[in-house]
């Protein structure tokens, strides 16, 4: 069973948001709408992708590890490096690797020079799995992205890169008066409305 990131099929209207959050106005409500729309879109795209992975008894976390190891093959990768590159804690990475080791998709070895360090590489079985999975995986992702035209995809890519940079900048800088000054762009003014809220 795929766990959704967000459970609301119908996004709240302006009136509903104002009733729930009377202290927020204007661009603050638009920020909330943007957040909800991003979660909803990511959730909707993840559903078919995760269903594809589930048929191979994989998760997005395990796929991320296998992709990272595939890129470095035949070299080994330190567990700490894997955790950093996949954006998880080392304890979480250890859990992911346990499942991959048990299914013989990866191999883990203790460093001879430093017994506290372990290295991982992908096995031949893992290589065969990726060779069979990746064409279908990328075809699924491509089908989802083609729901937008090329111009819209390019505009979305640009906006998302700007948004990612803004979020990273905001996370580094302290906010002033409870609101961050980072990333104060208004992309909707030049690219149109991203989505429609429910009229309910």
Protein backbone atom coordinates (compact mmCIF):
# COMPACT_ATOMS: atom_id res chain seq x y z
CA UNK A 1 0.00 0.00 0.00
CA UNK A 2 1.44 3.37 -1.04
CA UNK A 3 1.19 6.00 1.67
CA UNK A 4 0.13 9.37 0.23
CA UNK A 5 1.92 12.55 1.22
CA UNK A 6 -1.35 14.45 1.48
CA UNK A 7 -4.89 13.21 2.04
CA UNK A 8 -7.00 16.06 0.68
CA UNK A 9 -8.31 15.29 -2.81
CA UNK A 10 -10.02 18.69 -2.92
CA UNK A 11 -7.88 21.66 -1.96
CA UNK A 12 -9.54 24.27 0.26
CA UNK A 13 -10.99 27.39 -1.35
CA UNK A 14 -9.99 30.96 -0.44
CA UNK A 15 -13.03 31.27 1.81
CA UNK A 16 -12.22 28.01 3.58
CA UNK A 17 -8.64 29.08 4.20
CA UNK A 18 -9.77 32.45 5.53
CA UNK A 19 -12.18 30.75 7.93
CA UNK A 20 -9.49 28.40 9.15
CA UNK A 21 -6.72 31.01 9.25
CA UNK A 22 -8.31 34.44 9.74
CA UNK A 23 -4.97 35.98 10.69
CA UNK A 24 -3.48 35.27 7.26
CA UNK A 25 -4.18 37.39 4.20
CA UNK A 26 -3.11 37.94 0.62
CA UNK A 27 0.23 36.45 -0.35
CA UNK A 28 0.30 34.35 2.82
CA UNK A 29 -2.75 32.43 1.62
CA UNK A 30 -1.10 32.03 -1.79
CA UNK A 31 1.97 30.57 -0.05
CA UNK A 32 -0.25 28.00 1.67
CA UNK A 33 -1.92 27.18 -1.65
CA UNK A 34 1.48 26.74 -3.29
CA UNK A 35 2.58 24.34 -0.55
CA UNK A 36 -0.61 22.27 -0.82
CA UNK A 37 -0.42 22.14 -4.61
CA UNK A 38 3.19 20.97 -4.52
CA UNK A 39 2.35 18.20 -2.07
CA UNK A 40 -0.67 17.16 -4.10
CA UNK A 41 1.24 17.06 -7.39
CA UNK A 42 4.14 15.10 -5.89
CA UNK A 43 1.73 12.63 -4.31
CA UNK A 44 -0.16 12.11 -7.58
CA UNK A 45 3.08 11.48 -9.47
CA UNK A 46 4.47 9.13 -6.83
CA UNK A 47 1.49 6.78 -6.88
CA UNK A 48 2.19 5.06 -10.25
CA UNK A 49 5.97 5.19 -9.73
CA UNK A 50 5.78 3.53 -6.31
CA UNK A 51 3.36 0.93 -7.65
CA UNK A 52 5.97 0.06 -10.29
CA UNK A 53 8.69 -0.23 -7.64
CA UNK A 54 6.47 -2.30 -5.35
CA UNK A 55 6.13 -4.95 -8.07
CA UNK A 56 9.92 -5.33 -7.83
CA UNK A 57 9.78 -5.25 -4.00
CA UNK A 58 11.59 -1.93 -3.96
CA UNK A 59 10.96 1.42 -2.29
CA UNK A 60 12.07 4.87 -3.39
CA UNK A 61 14.72 4.76 -0.66
CA UNK A 62 16.16 1.48 -1.86
CA UNK A 63 16.03 2.67 -5.46
CA UNK A 64 18.01 5.79 -4.51
CA UNK A 65 20.71 3.61 -2.94
CA UNK A 66 20.90 1.31 -5.95
CA UNK A 67 21.08 4.23 -8.37
CA UNK A 68 23.92 5.79 -6.36
CA UNK A 69 25.83 2.51 -6.27
CA UNK A 70 25.17 1.88 -9.96
CA UNK A 71 26.72 5.25 -10.77
CA UNK A 72 29.90 4.34 -8.86
CA UNK A 73 30.14 0.72 -10.02
CA UNK A 74 32.52 -1.09 -9.64
CA UNK A 75 33.84 1.18 -6.87
CA UNK A 76 32.66 0.84 -3.28
CA UNK A 77 30.86 3.69 -1.50
CA UNK A 78 31.08 4.44 2.22
CA UNK A 79 27.83 4.10 4.15
CA UNK A 80 28.23 7.65 5.48
CA UNK A 81 28.59 8.94 1.92
CA UNK A 82 25.46 7.07 0.84
CA UNK A 83 23.51 8.57 3.72
CA UNK A 84 24.69 12.08 2.87
CA UNK A 85 23.99 11.74 -0.86
CA UNK A 86 20.52 10.27 -0.29
CA UNK A 87 19.61 12.92 2.30
CA UNK A 88 18.99 10.55 5.22
CA UNK A 89 20.59 9.83 8.58
CA UNK A 90 23.18 7.08 8.78
CA UNK A 91 20.84 4.99 10.96
CA UNK A 92 18.17 5.19 8.24
CA UNK A 93 20.71 4.19 5.60
CA UNK A 94 21.76 1.23 7.74
CA UNK A 95 18.15 0.04 7.73
CA UNK A 96 17.85 0.42 3.97
CA UNK A 97 21.08 -1.48 3.43
CA UNK A 98 20.01 -4.36 5.68
CA UNK A 99 17.12 -5.15 3.34
CA UNK A 100 19.28 -4.78 0.24
CA UNK A 101 21.98 -7.03 1.70
CA UNK A 102 19.43 -9.68 2.68
CA UNK A 103 18.09 -9.76 -0.88
CA UNK A 104 21.69 -9.87 -2.18
CA UNK A 105 21.28 -6.70 -4.23
CA UNK A 106 24.23 -5.02 -2.52
CA UNK A 107 27.35 -6.22 -0.72
CA UNK A 108 28.72 -4.58 2.42
CA UNK A 109 32.32 -4.87 3.61
CA UNK A 110 34.13 -3.58 6.69
CA UNK A 111 37.08 -1.32 5.96
CA UNK A 112 40.34 -3.07 6.85
CA UNK A 113 42.06 0.14 7.94
CA UNK A 114 39.16 1.42 10.06
CA UNK A 115 36.76 -1.19 11.43
CA UNK A 116 34.23 1.56 12.23
CA UNK A 117 33.77 2.24 8.51
CA UNK A 118 31.91 0.00 6.07
CA UNK A 119 31.71 0.22 2.30
CA UNK A 120 29.00 -0.97 -0.08
CA UNK A 121 28.79 -1.90 -3.74
CA UNK A 122 26.08 -3.25 -6.00
CA UNK A 123 26.09 -6.97 -6.76
CA UNK A 124 25.58 -8.66 -10.15
CA UNK A 125 22.02 -9.47 -9.03
CA UNK A 126 21.48 -5.78 -8.26
CA UNK A 127 22.87 -4.84 -11.66
CA UNK A 128 20.46 -7.22 -13.41
CA UNK A 129 17.53 -5.82 -11.43
CA UNK A 130 18.40 -2.26 -12.40
CA UNK A 131 18.87 -3.19 -16.05
CA UNK A 132 15.37 -4.70 -16.05
CA UNK A 133 13.73 -1.93 -13.99
CA UNK A 134 15.16 1.33 -15.29
CA UNK A 135 13.64 1.30 -18.81
CA UNK A 136 10.13 0.89 -17.35
CA UNK A 137 10.87 3.35 -14.54
CA UNK A 138 12.07 6.13 -16.83
CA UNK A 139 9.24 5.44 -19.29
CA UNK A 140 6.76 5.91 -16.42
CA UNK A 141 8.40 9.18 -15.38
CA UNK A 142 8.49 10.37 -19.00
CA UNK A 143 4.80 9.59 -19.48
CA UNK A 144 3.94 11.65 -16.42
CA UNK A 145 6.06 14.61 -17.52
CA UNK A 146 4.50 14.56 -21.00
CA UNK A 147 1.16 15.52 -19.49
CA UNK A 148 2.56 19.04 -19.91
CA UNK A 149 3.73 20.54 -23.18
CA UNK A 150 7.41 21.25 -23.71
CA UNK A 151 7.04 24.99 -23.05
CA UNK A 152 5.14 24.34 -19.81
CA UNK A 153 7.69 21.72 -18.73
CA UNK A 154 10.55 24.15 -19.29
CA UNK A 155 8.70 26.86 -17.36
CA UNK A 156 7.97 24.42 -14.52
CA UNK A 157 11.60 23.28 -14.38
CA UNK A 158 12.74 26.89 -14.11
CA UNK A 159 10.21 27.69 -11.38
CA UNK A 160 11.03 24.57 -9.39
CA UNK A 161 14.76 25.30 -9.55
CA UNK A 162 14.09 28.82 -8.31
CA UNK A 163 11.88 27.46 -5.56
CA UNK A 164 14.48 24.88 -4.45
CA UNK A 165 17.16 27.60 -4.35
CA UNK A 166 14.84 29.86 -2.36
CA UNK A 167 14.03 27.14 0.16
CA UNK A 168 17.73 26.35 0.60
CA UNK A 169 18.49 30.05 1.08
CA UNK A 170 15.65 30.47 3.57
CA UNK A 171 16.87 27.49 5.59
CA UNK A 172 20.30 29.10 5.91
CA UNK A 173 19.18 32.61 6.81
CA UNK A 174 17.41 33.56 10.05
CA UNK A 175 13.93 34.97 9.53
CA UNK A 176 13.09 38.56 10.45
CA UNK A 177 9.89 39.20 12.32
CA UNK A 178 8.78 35.61 11.83
CA UNK A 179 8.99 35.76 8.01
CA UNK A 180 11.97 34.98 5.83
CA UNK A 181 12.99 37.54 3.22
CA UNK A 182 14.55 34.89 1.01
CA UNK A 183 13.08 33.99 -2.30
CA UNK A 184 10.42 36.70 -2.51
CA UNK A 185 9.56 36.07 -6.14
CA UNK A 186 6.15 36.17 -7.71
CA UNK A 187 6.45 33.60 -10.54
CA UNK A 188 2.67 33.29 -10.88
CA UNK A 189 2.50 36.82 -12.24
CA UNK A 190 4.55 35.87 -15.30
CA UNK A 191 3.65 32.22 -15.77
CA UNK A 192 -0.04 32.11 -14.95
CA UNK A 193 -1.96 30.26 -12.30
CA UNK A 194 -0.54 26.83 -11.43
CA UNK A 195 -3.79 25.15 -10.46
CA UNK A 196 -7.38 25.59 -9.40
CA UNK A 197 -8.73 25.24 -5.89
CA UNK A 198 -12.02 23.64 -5.06
CA UNK A 199 -14.99 25.98 -5.12
CA UNK A 200 -16.41 24.30 -2.05
